[in-house]
Protein backbone atom coordinates (compact mmCIF):
# COMPACT_ATOMS: atom_id res chain seq x y z
CA UNK A 1 98.54 -6.75 -58.54
CA UNK A 2 98.55 -6.36 -55.23
CA UNK A 3 96.79 -2.83 -55.90
CA UNK A 4 94.61 -4.41 -57.63
CA UNK A 5 93.50 -6.97 -55.64
CA UNK A 6 93.32 -3.82 -52.95
CA UNK A 7 91.56 -1.99 -54.99
CA UNK A 8 88.62 -4.93 -55.46
CA UNK A 9 88.88 -5.51 -51.55
CA UNK A 10 88.01 -1.61 -51.06
CA UNK A 11 85.18 -3.00 -53.56
CA UNK A 12 84.34 -5.34 -51.74
CA UNK A 13 84.14 -4.00 -48.03
CA UNK A 14 82.54 -0.64 -49.48
CA UNK A 15 79.47 -3.39 -50.93
CA UNK A 16 79.77 -5.20 -47.72
CA UNK A 17 78.88 -1.45 -45.66
CA UNK A 18 76.24 -0.16 -48.02
CA UNK A 19 74.74 -3.56 -48.44
CA UNK A 20 74.59 -3.54 -44.06
CA UNK A 21 73.44 -0.29 -43.96
CA UNK A 22 70.55 -1.04 -46.40
CA UNK A 23 69.54 -3.65 -44.35
CA UNK A 24 69.79 -1.69 -41.34
CA UNK A 25 67.97 0.99 -43.23
CA UNK A 26 64.79 -1.74 -43.25
CA UNK A 27 65.36 -2.56 -40.09
CA UNK A 28 64.75 0.82 -38.25
CA UNK A 29 61.96 1.15 -40.95
CA UNK A 30 59.72 -2.12 -40.19
CA UNK A 31 61.39 -1.78 -36.29
CA UNK A 32 59.39 2.25 -37.82
CA UNK A 33 57.05 0.88 -39.13
CA UNK A 34 55.69 -2.30 -36.36
CA UNK A 35 56.27 0.67 -33.94
CA UNK A 36 53.29 2.77 -35.32
CA UNK A 37 51.31 -0.17 -35.96
CA UNK A 38 51.59 -1.52 -32.28
CA UNK A 39 50.62 2.42 -31.04
CA UNK A 40 48.17 2.46 -33.55
CA UNK A 41 46.60 -0.56 -31.49
CA UNK A 42 47.15 0.38 -28.20
CA UNK A 43 45.73 3.68 -29.17
CA UNK A 44 42.41 1.76 -30.96
CA UNK A 45 41.96 -0.16 -28.32
CA UNK A 46 42.92 2.46 -25.18
CA UNK A 47 39.72 4.36 -27.58
CA UNK A 48 37.93 1.03 -27.35
CA UNK A 49 38.42 0.45 -23.84
CA UNK A 50 37.71 4.39 -23.03
CA UNK A 51 34.35 4.43 -25.19
CA UNK A 52 33.36 0.97 -23.14
CA UNK A 53 33.81 3.27 -20.27
CA UNK A 54 31.70 5.69 -21.11
CA UNK A 55 28.85 3.22 -22.35
CA UNK A 56 29.63 1.42 -19.16
CA UNK A 57 29.21 4.87 -16.30
CA UNK A 58 25.95 6.40 -18.92
CA UNK A 59 24.63 2.52 -18.86
CA UNK A 60 25.12 2.73 -14.85
CA UNK A 61 23.71 6.30 -14.62
CA UNK A 62 20.53 5.01 -16.60
CA UNK A 63 19.70 2.31 -14.27
CA UNK A 64 20.76 4.52 -11.07
CA UNK A 65 17.89 6.33 -12.49
CA UNK A 66 15.56 4.12 -13.55
CA UNK A 67 15.47 2.62 -10.27
CA UNK A 68 16.18 5.68 -8.60
CA UNK A 69 12.68 6.85 -10.17
CA UNK A 70 11.14 3.70 -9.75
CA UNK A 71 11.73 3.68 -6.08
CA UNK A 72 9.21 7.26 -6.92
CA UNK A 73 7.45 6.26 -8.24
CA UNK A 74 6.44 3.39 -5.98
CA UNK A 75 6.96 6.15 -2.48
CA UNK A 76 4.59 7.77 -4.28
CA UNK A 77 2.11 5.22 -4.28
CA UNK A 78 2.88 3.53 -1.29
CA UNK A 79 1.29 6.87 -0.08
CA UNK A 80 -1.71 7.59 -2.26
CA UNK A 81 -2.56 3.89 -0.85
CA UNK A 82 -2.01 4.90 2.63
CA UNK A 83 -3.81 8.21 2.86
CA UNK A 84 -6.35 6.28 -0.05
CA UNK A 85 -6.42 3.69 3.21
CA UNK A 86 -6.93 6.55 6.14
CA UNK A 87 -9.58 8.08 3.96
CA UNK A 88 -11.35 3.97 3.27
CA UNK A 89 -11.09 3.25 7.34
CA UNK A 90 -12.37 6.87 8.03
CA UNK A 91 -15.72 6.62 5.35
CA UNK A 92 -16.24 3.00 7.86
CA UNK A 93 -15.64 4.91 10.89
CA UNK A 94 -18.05 7.85 10.01
CA UNK A 95 -20.53 4.55 8.73
CA UNK A 96 -20.38 2.73 12.07
CA UNK A 97 -20.85 5.80 14.32
CA UNK A 98 -23.64 6.64 11.67
CA UNK A 99 -25.08 3.27 12.84
CA UNK A 100 -23.59 3.99 16.66
CA UNK A 101 -26.62 6.75 16.61
CA UNK A 102 -29.76 5.19 14.93
CA UNK A 103 -30.05 8.44 13.23
CA UNK A 104 -31.26 8.50 9.94
CA UNK A 105 -32.58 4.59 9.61
CA UNK A 106 -35.13 2.32 11.70
CA UNK A 107 -33.23 0.87 13.88
CA UNK A 108 -36.12 -1.84 15.19
CA UNK A 109 -36.31 -2.61 11.39
CA UNK A 110 -32.71 -3.02 11.39
CA UNK A 111 -32.67 -4.95 14.20
CA UNK A 112 -35.17 -6.95 12.88
CA UNK A 113 -33.29 -8.37 9.41
CA UNK A 114 -30.22 -8.37 10.98
CA UNK A 115 -31.36 -11.19 13.39
CA UNK A 116 -33.16 -12.47 11.53
CA UNK A 117 -30.32 -12.83 8.81
CA UNK A 118 -28.52 -14.45 12.34
CA UNK A 119 -30.88 -17.32 13.00
CA UNK A 120 -30.68 -18.26 9.65
CA UNK A 121 -27.66 -19.33 10.33
CA UNK A 122 -28.05 -20.73 13.58
CA UNK A 123 -29.62 -24.99 13.52
CA UNK A 124 -31.28 -26.60 15.86
CA UNK A 125 -35.91 -25.03 16.80
CA UNK A 126 -34.43 -22.23 19.39
CA UNK A 127 -31.85 -19.93 19.72
CA UNK A 128 -31.32 -16.87 22.13
CA UNK A 129 -31.01 -13.95 20.51
CA UNK A 130 -28.69 -10.59 21.97
CA UNK A 131 -28.72 -7.28 22.23
CA UNK A 132 -26.85 -4.38 23.01
CA UNK A 133 -27.25 -2.48 26.12
CA UNK A 134 -28.25 0.30 23.95
CA UNK A 135 -30.92 -2.22 21.95
CA UNK A 136 -32.19 -3.94 25.47
CA UNK A 137 -36.09 -2.28 25.74
CA UNK A 138 -37.09 -3.42 22.58
CA UNK A 139 -36.79 -7.41 22.95
CA UNK A 140 -39.61 -7.89 25.03
CA UNK A 141 -41.39 -7.10 21.79
CA UNK A 142 -39.25 -7.66 19.65
CA UNK A 143 -38.47 -11.56 19.85
CA UNK A 144 -41.67 -12.51 19.14
CA UNK A 145 -41.44 -10.43 15.69
CA UNK A 146 -38.30 -11.98 14.84
CA UNK A 147 -39.52 -15.58 15.18
CA UNK A 148 -42.02 -14.66 12.83
CA UNK A 149 -40.76 -12.85 10.42
CA UNK A 150 -38.31 -16.03 10.21
CA UNK A 151 -41.14 -18.47 9.67
CA UNK A 152 -42.24 -15.88 7.42
CA UNK A 153 -38.66 -16.03 4.77
CA UNK A 154 -38.19 -20.29 5.19
CA UNK A 155 -41.22 -21.80 6.87
CA UNK A 156 -38.69 -22.47 10.23
CA UNK A 157 -40.51 -22.81 13.70
CA UNK A 158 -37.91 -21.23 15.67
CA UNK A 159 -37.75 -20.21 19.70
CA UNK A 160 -36.82 -17.17 19.52
CA UNK A 161 -35.50 -16.90 23.06
CA UNK A 162 -34.05 -13.31 24.87
CA UNK A 163 -30.41 -12.98 26.36
CA UNK A 164 -30.98 -11.69 30.12
CA UNK A 165 -26.93 -10.38 29.43
CA UNK A 166 -26.67 -7.42 27.44
CA UNK A 167 -24.09 -7.91 24.66
CA UNK A 168 -20.26 -5.98 25.17
CA UNK A 169 -21.38 -3.66 21.17
CA UNK A 170 -23.03 -1.06 20.90
CA UNK A 171 -25.63 -1.84 18.20
CA UNK A 172 -27.37 -4.87 15.68
CA UNK A 173 -27.45 -8.24 17.28
CA UNK A 174 -25.99 -11.81 17.99
CA UNK A 175 -27.69 -15.23 17.73
CA UNK A 176 -26.07 -18.75 20.04
CA UNK A 177 -26.85 -21.69 18.89
CA UNK A 178 -29.31 -23.43 22.18
CA UNK A 179 -25.59 -24.81 23.35
CA UNK A 180 -23.60 -21.82 23.56
CA UNK A 181 -21.31 -24.41 20.58
CA UNK A 182 -22.76 -21.70 16.95
CA UNK A 183 -22.35 -17.23 17.43
CA UNK A 184 -23.42 -14.82 14.30
CA UNK A 185 -22.17 -12.06 14.56
CA UNK A 186 -24.48 -9.19 13.33
CA UNK A 187 -23.73 -6.47 15.31
CA UNK A 188 -22.74 -2.83 13.50
CA UNK A 189 -19.44 -3.74 13.65
CA UNK A 190 -19.12 -7.79 12.82
CA UNK A 191 -22.04 -7.44 10.20
CA UNK A 192 -19.71 -3.72 8.71
CA UNK A 193 -15.72 -5.49 9.17
CA UNK A 194 -16.89 -9.21 6.92
CA UNK A 195 -18.46 -6.44 4.41
CA UNK A 196 -15.80 -4.10 4.86
CA UNK A 197 -13.51 -6.47 1.97
CA UNK A 198 -16.80 -5.98 -1.12
CA UNK A 199 -17.93 -2.37 -0.06
CA UNK A 200 -14.18 -1.46 -0.21
CA UNK A 201 -13.99 -0.85 -3.92
CA UNK A 202 -16.75 0.85 -4.24
CA UNK A 203 -16.40 3.13 -2.00
CA UNK A 204 -12.81 3.69 -3.31
CA UNK A 205 -15.40 3.90 -6.31
CA UNK A 206 -17.12 6.35 -5.36
CA UNK A 207 -13.55 8.59 -3.39
CA UNK A 208 -11.58 8.07 -5.57
CA UNK A 209 -12.99 6.95 -9.08
CA UNK A 210 -12.64 4.01 -11.05
CA UNK A 211 -9.11 4.82 -12.27
CA UNK A 212 -7.35 5.01 -8.92
């Protein structure tokens, strides 16, 4: 009986050891599977993070390129506008120089037109006309012509007087009210400056074309 009991114990012990071995192997396999899954997830996440980082870099490079391109376009436009502005300024300067030279047009007729236009902006029955030093000699004959032209154009009977002191401008006229409170600057420079804003686009079209 004692021998059988020992055999039974050995069988039970072997079975217990075998079961323990099987359980250990299951645990190892499960651990290995979990480890592989964990590594797989880590690799996948790393790949995703790497791809996201690459996309971010690409986007940043694209944004930087867009900013650089926009900056270049802005600089080019700024330079072009500066060049165009300089050409426009030169065009107006040349126009003013031509007026000051009094060549290519009837200066007396132009003075008369400028005087009539200036007087229309001055209320009252008496207006003082101021000429440039270069045109002061025309004053005596020009004054009655201007008064007559104003009467014919608007029906106003205006007494036009000539200032005994020429103005500090190089051409054109200025008109001053009797009390000195109002003045219309129709000198060549003053008139051209007021017209510059509306003429600028027309001059730009001529110089650079309508699409610029």
